[in-house]
Amino acid sequence: MGYEIRAIKNAIQLLSYFDEHNPELGVNELTSKTNLHKSTVHRILMTLEKIGILEQNSKGGKYRLGLRLYELGNLAIHGFELNNVSQPYLKELMEKTGETVHLVIYDKGEAVYINKVESQQRMRMVSRIGSRLPLHCTGVGKVLLAYLEQSELKKVIRDQGLCRFTNNTIAHPKDLEKELEKIRKVGFAIDNEEIELGLKCVAAPVRDHEGKVIASISISGSSNRITKDKIPYLSKIVIETAEKISHRLGYRIVRKLK
């Protein structure tokens, strides 16, 4: 049986309830979300505040995530080899296409955005570093799904479901299967306004030294700019950028002779 420290586990559980919809939470709110006693919640919050993980609002007495947690999060991201290696290529891709670029990894059935290079275009992206989005309705997510083991793919569909966000969202397992097969064949994915109307993405896989897909990159922009006639050029440049990053990670690409 594994050894665990309950106090640390409880503290992490409390921290997990802070998100973009709940940036500030009080003792009573957090107590109602857990099976912990109110006094236990209060002691944990006070301890986390003392070390800078949380900050307390002097007016309402509620807590919010502190700067120390932000610093640790940035340290983890910047220390991540994939992020460091890919940064100059992501910036170059943004400059070549004029569109926002993302770097995403797979974690527990979701797409996690670990890097973003924002373009100067006036269209707000739904993403931010650290945010999680569904896999089946994003270009980067579909790329990650396409290269999952079959058992893991089925688990994601079963656990996460295929929620419909727009009329273009792929919401049936068999349709998704066909889409993933196509992605493996052509080497890239398109988000055709599947999570947000007016937003299109083109994405490609990033591989490690063993050839395993460990991430995906994409360009995202307005459907007025990412038009059907531009897809061949945009997909080519996204694939090339993904291959450059993969090469830096030790992957050796073998071209088939025609």
Protein backbone atom coordinates (compact mmCIF):
# COMPACT_ATOMS: atom_id res chain seq x y z
CA MET A 1 0.00 0.00 0.00
CA GLY A 2 1.38 3.42 -0.95
CA TYR A 3 2.24 5.92 1.76
CA GLU A 4 0.47 9.27 1.67
CA ILE A 5 0.33 12.35 3.87
CA ARG A 6 -3.34 13.19 4.34
CA ALA A 7 -2.78 16.87 5.17
CA ILE A 8 -0.97 17.44 1.85
CA LYS A 9 -3.66 15.54 -0.04
CA ASN A 10 -6.36 17.67 1.62
CA ALA A 11 -4.49 20.89 0.82
CA ILE A 12 -4.18 19.97 -2.86
CA GLN A 13 -7.86 19.04 -2.93
CA LEU A 14 -8.78 22.50 -1.63
CA LEU A 15 -6.52 24.21 -4.18
CA SER A 16 -8.19 22.29 -7.01
CA TYR A 17 -11.49 24.11 -6.39
CA PHE A 18 -10.02 27.48 -7.42
CA ASP A 19 -10.54 28.10 -11.15
CA GLU A 20 -11.58 30.83 -13.58
CA HIS A 21 -15.18 30.59 -12.37
CA ASN A 22 -14.19 30.54 -8.69
CA PRO A 23 -11.14 32.83 -8.34
CA GLU A 24 -11.99 33.52 -4.69
CA LEU A 25 -13.47 31.09 -2.16
CA GLY A 26 -14.23 31.30 1.54
CA VAL A 27 -13.96 28.77 4.36
CA ASN A 28 -17.66 27.93 4.27
CA GLU A 29 -17.70 27.42 0.49
CA LEU A 30 -14.69 25.12 0.57
CA THR A 31 -16.05 23.18 3.54
CA SER A 32 -19.28 22.52 1.64
CA LYS A 33 -17.30 21.11 -1.29
CA THR A 34 -15.41 18.59 0.84
CA ASN A 35 -15.93 16.05 3.62
CA LEU A 36 -13.50 17.97 5.79
CA HIS A 37 -14.42 19.65 9.06
CA LYS A 38 -14.61 23.45 8.94
CA SER A 39 -11.77 23.83 11.46
CA THR A 40 -9.54 21.57 9.34
CA VAL A 41 -10.27 23.62 6.21
CA HIS A 42 -9.51 26.82 8.12
CA ARG A 43 -6.14 25.51 9.39
CA ILE A 44 -5.10 24.37 5.92
CA LEU A 45 -6.04 27.70 4.38
CA MET A 46 -4.13 29.63 7.04
CA THR A 47 -1.03 27.48 6.45
CA LEU A 48 -1.22 27.92 2.68
CA GLU A 49 -1.59 31.66 3.13
CA LYS A 50 1.43 31.81 5.44
CA ILE A 51 3.71 30.27 2.79
CA GLY A 52 2.30 32.37 -0.05
CA ILE A 53 0.33 29.67 -1.87
CA LEU A 54 -2.89 31.54 -1.06
CA GLU A 55 -3.72 35.17 -0.35
CA GLN A 56 -6.64 36.44 1.72
CA ASN A 57 -8.85 39.28 0.61
CA SER A 58 -8.78 41.83 3.43
CA LYS A 59 -12.35 42.97 2.69
CA GLY A 60 -14.38 39.78 2.31
CA GLY A 61 -11.99 37.37 3.98
CA LYS A 62 -12.07 35.01 1.00
CA TYR A 63 -8.95 33.34 -0.36
CA ARG A 64 -7.38 33.44 -3.82
CA LEU A 65 -4.34 31.76 -5.38
CA GLY A 66 -1.10 33.48 -4.37
CA LEU A 67 1.94 34.64 -6.27
CA ARG A 68 4.09 31.79 -4.96
CA LEU A 69 1.87 29.27 -6.73
CA TYR A 70 2.12 31.32 -9.92
CA GLU A 71 5.92 31.35 -9.62
CA LEU A 72 6.06 27.59 -9.10
CA GLY A 73 3.75 27.02 -12.05
CA ASN A 74 5.89 29.17 -14.32
CA LEU A 75 9.01 27.40 -13.12
CA ALA A 76 7.49 24.04 -14.01
CA ILE A 77 6.44 25.22 -17.46
CA HIS A 78 9.70 26.97 -18.29
CA GLY A 79 11.68 24.00 -17.04
CA PHE A 80 9.75 21.68 -19.29
CA GLU A 81 12.02 20.56 -22.16
CA LEU A 82 9.24 20.52 -24.72
CA ASN A 83 8.33 24.11 -23.99
CA ASN A 84 11.91 25.35 -24.09
CA VAL A 85 12.71 23.54 -27.34
CA SER A 86 9.54 24.60 -29.12
CA GLN A 87 9.40 28.29 -28.16
CA PRO A 88 11.43 29.76 -31.07
CA TYR A 89 9.59 27.59 -33.60
CA LEU A 90 6.19 28.61 -32.24
CA LYS A 91 7.16 32.26 -32.51
CA GLU A 92 8.41 31.72 -36.06
CA LEU A 93 5.15 29.99 -37.00
CA MET A 94 3.11 32.90 -35.64
CA GLU A 95 5.22 35.39 -37.62
CA LYS A 96 4.87 33.38 -40.85
CA THR A 97 1.12 32.88 -40.61
CA GLY A 98 0.02 35.91 -38.60
CA GLU A 99 -2.17 33.63 -36.47
CA THR A 100 -2.12 32.59 -32.81
CA VAL A 101 -0.07 29.47 -32.13
CA HIS A 102 -0.64 26.86 -29.42
CA LEU A 103 1.35 24.01 -27.91
CA VAL A 104 -0.80 21.38 -26.22
CA ILE A 105 -0.28 18.10 -24.37
CA TYR A 106 -2.61 15.25 -23.39
CA ASP A 107 -3.52 14.78 -19.74
CA LYS A 108 -6.31 12.69 -18.23
CA GLY A 109 -8.59 12.84 -21.23
CA GLU A 110 -8.19 16.55 -21.95
CA ALA A 111 -6.06 18.95 -23.98
CA VAL A 112 -3.83 21.09 -21.73
CA TYR A 113 -2.44 24.31 -23.22
CA ILE A 114 1.18 24.76 -22.10
CA ASN A 115 2.26 27.51 -24.48
CA LYS A 116 0.63 30.21 -26.57
CA VAL A 117 2.08 32.82 -28.91
CA GLU A 118 -0.60 35.43 -29.50
CA SER A 119 -0.95 37.10 -32.89
CA GLN A 120 -1.87 40.73 -33.47
CA GLN A 121 -5.22 39.76 -34.97
CA ARG A 122 -8.29 41.09 -33.18
CA MET A 123 -9.97 37.81 -32.39
CA ARG A 124 -9.97 36.51 -28.86
CA MET A 125 -8.95 32.88 -28.46
CA VAL A 126 -10.75 30.66 -25.95
CA SER A 127 -7.41 29.32 -24.71
CA ARG A 128 -4.91 30.36 -22.10
CA ILE A 129 -1.80 28.67 -20.73
CA GLY A 130 -2.84 26.05 -18.20
CA SER A 131 -6.42 25.81 -19.45
CA ARG A 132 -8.03 22.52 -20.40
CA LEU A 133 -10.34 21.92 -23.34
CA PRO A 134 -12.10 18.85 -24.78
CA LEU A 135 -10.15 16.79 -27.29
CA HIS A 136 -12.82 15.88 -29.85
CA CYS A 137 -13.68 19.44 -30.92
CA THR A 138 -10.24 21.09 -31.17
CA GLY A 139 -7.58 20.63 -33.84
CA VAL A 140 -4.82 20.00 -31.30
CA GLY A 141 -7.10 17.67 -29.37
CA LYS A 142 -8.04 15.57 -32.38
CA VAL A 143 -4.37 15.16 -33.25
CA LEU A 144 -3.70 13.82 -29.74
CA LEU A 145 -6.71 11.51 -29.96
CA ALA A 146 -5.58 10.17 -33.34
CA TYR A 147 -2.40 8.71 -31.86
CA LEU A 148 -3.75 7.34 -28.57
CA GLU A 149 -3.84 3.61 -27.89
CA GLN A 150 -7.26 2.23 -28.81
CA SER A 151 -8.06 1.34 -25.21
CA GLU A 152 -7.22 4.87 -24.03
CA LEU A 153 -9.26 6.40 -26.86
CA LYS A 154 -12.32 4.38 -25.86
CA LYS A 155 -11.83 5.40 -22.24
CA VAL A 156 -11.70 9.10 -23.18
CA ILE A 157 -14.90 8.84 -25.20
CA ARG A 158 -16.62 6.93 -22.40
CA ASP A 159 -15.47 9.20 -19.57
CA GLN A 160 -15.48 12.62 -21.28
CA GLY A 161 -18.27 12.12 -23.78
CA LEU A 162 -18.59 13.95 -27.11
CA CYS A 163 -20.36 17.14 -26.11
CA ARG A 164 -21.70 19.23 -29.00
CA PHE A 165 -20.55 22.87 -28.99
CA THR A 166 -21.60 23.89 -32.52
CA ASN A 167 -23.37 22.24 -35.45
CA ASN A 168 -19.92 21.23 -36.74
CA THR A 169 -18.86 19.37 -33.60
CA ILE A 170 -18.22 15.67 -34.15
CA ALA A 171 -20.56 14.14 -31.58
CA HIS A 172 -20.76 10.48 -32.67
CA PRO A 173 -18.00 7.90 -31.97
CA LYS A 174 -18.07 6.41 -35.48
CA ASP A 175 -17.77 9.84 -37.11
CA LEU A 176 -14.87 10.65 -34.79
CA GLU A 177 -13.21 7.35 -35.70
CA LYS A 178 -13.33 8.29 -39.40
CA GLU A 179 -11.95 11.75 -38.62
CA LEU A 180 -9.02 10.32 -36.64
CA GLU A 181 -8.21 7.84 -39.41
CA LYS A 182 -8.08 10.75 -41.87
CA ILE A 183 -5.79 12.71 -39.54
CA ARG A 184 -3.34 9.81 -39.34
CA LYS A 185 -3.38 9.58 -43.13
CA VAL A 186 -2.81 13.27 -43.97
CA GLY A 187 -0.73 14.16 -40.91
CA PHE A 188 -2.76 17.14 -39.68
CA ALA A 189 -6.15 18.06 -38.23
CA ILE A 190 -8.59 20.90 -38.80
CA ASP A 191 -10.97 22.41 -36.28
CA ASN A 192 -13.73 23.60 -38.58
CA GLU A 193 -15.57 25.86 -36.12
CA GLU A 194 -16.19 22.81 -33.95
CA ILE A 195 -15.76 24.42 -30.53
CA GLU A 196 -16.54 28.03 -31.40
CA LEU A 197 -18.27 29.56 -34.40
CA GLY A 198 -15.94 31.78 -36.42
CA LEU A 199 -12.79 30.03 -35.14
CA LYS A 200 -10.71 27.63 -37.22
CA CYS A 201 -7.49 25.76 -36.40
CA VAL A 202 -4.90 23.68 -38.22
CA ALA A 203 -2.86 21.29 -36.04
CA ALA A 204 -0.06 18.73 -36.37
CA PRO A 205 1.65 16.19 -34.05
CA VAL A 206 4.95 16.60 -32.19
CA ARG A 207 6.93 13.39 -31.55
CA ASP A 208 9.68 12.44 -29.11
CA HIS A 209 12.90 10.55 -29.89
CA GLU A 210 10.98 7.24 -29.98
CA GLY A 211 8.43 8.56 -32.47
CA LYS A 212 5.66 8.76 -29.89
CA VAL A 213 3.24 11.70 -30.24
CA ILE A 214 3.69 13.71 -27.04
CA ALA A 215 2.10 17.02 -28.05
CA SER A 216 0.46 18.94 -30.86
CA ILE A 217 0.79 22.45 -32.19
CA SER A 218 -1.73 24.58 -34.03
CA ILE A 219 -2.50 27.91 -35.59
CA SER A 220 -5.88 29.37 -34.69
CA GLY A 221 -7.71 32.25 -36.29
CA SER A 222 -10.85 33.62 -37.81
CA SER A 223 -12.69 31.49 -40.36
CA ASN A 224 -12.52 34.55 -42.62
CA ARG A 225 -8.73 34.21 -42.71
CA ILE A 226 -8.26 30.45 -42.43
CA THR A 227 -10.20 29.66 -45.57
CA LYS A 228 -10.44 26.39 -47.49
CA ASP A 229 -8.03 27.54 -50.22
CA LYS A 230 -5.37 28.37 -47.60
CA ILE A 231 -5.48 24.98 -45.85
CA PRO A 232 -2.87 23.30 -48.10
CA TYR A 233 -0.29 26.04 -47.35
CA LEU A 234 -1.17 26.36 -43.68
CA SER A 235 -1.17 22.61 -43.04
CA LYS A 236 2.21 22.30 -44.78
CA ILE A 237 3.82 24.99 -42.65
CA VAL A 238 2.29 23.67 -39.41
CA ILE A 239 3.52 20.14 -40.19
CA GLU A 240 7.00 21.47 -41.01
CA THR A 241 7.13 23.36 -37.71
CA ALA A 242 5.99 20.29 -35.77
CA GLU A 243 8.68 18.24 -37.50
CA LYS A 244 11.36 20.79 -36.60
CA ILE A 245 10.39 20.56 -32.93
CA SER A 246 10.25 16.76 -33.13
CA HIS A 247 13.73 16.72 -34.70
CA ARG A 248 15.09 18.82 -31.83
CA LEU A 249 13.59 16.28 -29.42
CA GLY A 250 15.51 13.50 -31.13
CA TYR A 251 12.98 12.21 -33.64
CA ARG A 252 14.44 11.22 -36.98
CA ILE A 253 12.04 11.55 -39.90
CA VAL A 254 12.35 8.94 -42.64
CA ARG A 255 10.84 10.07 -45.93
CA LYS A 256 9.23 7.45 -48.13
CA LEU A 257 10.57 7.22 -51.67
CA LYS A 258 7.97 7.95 -54.31
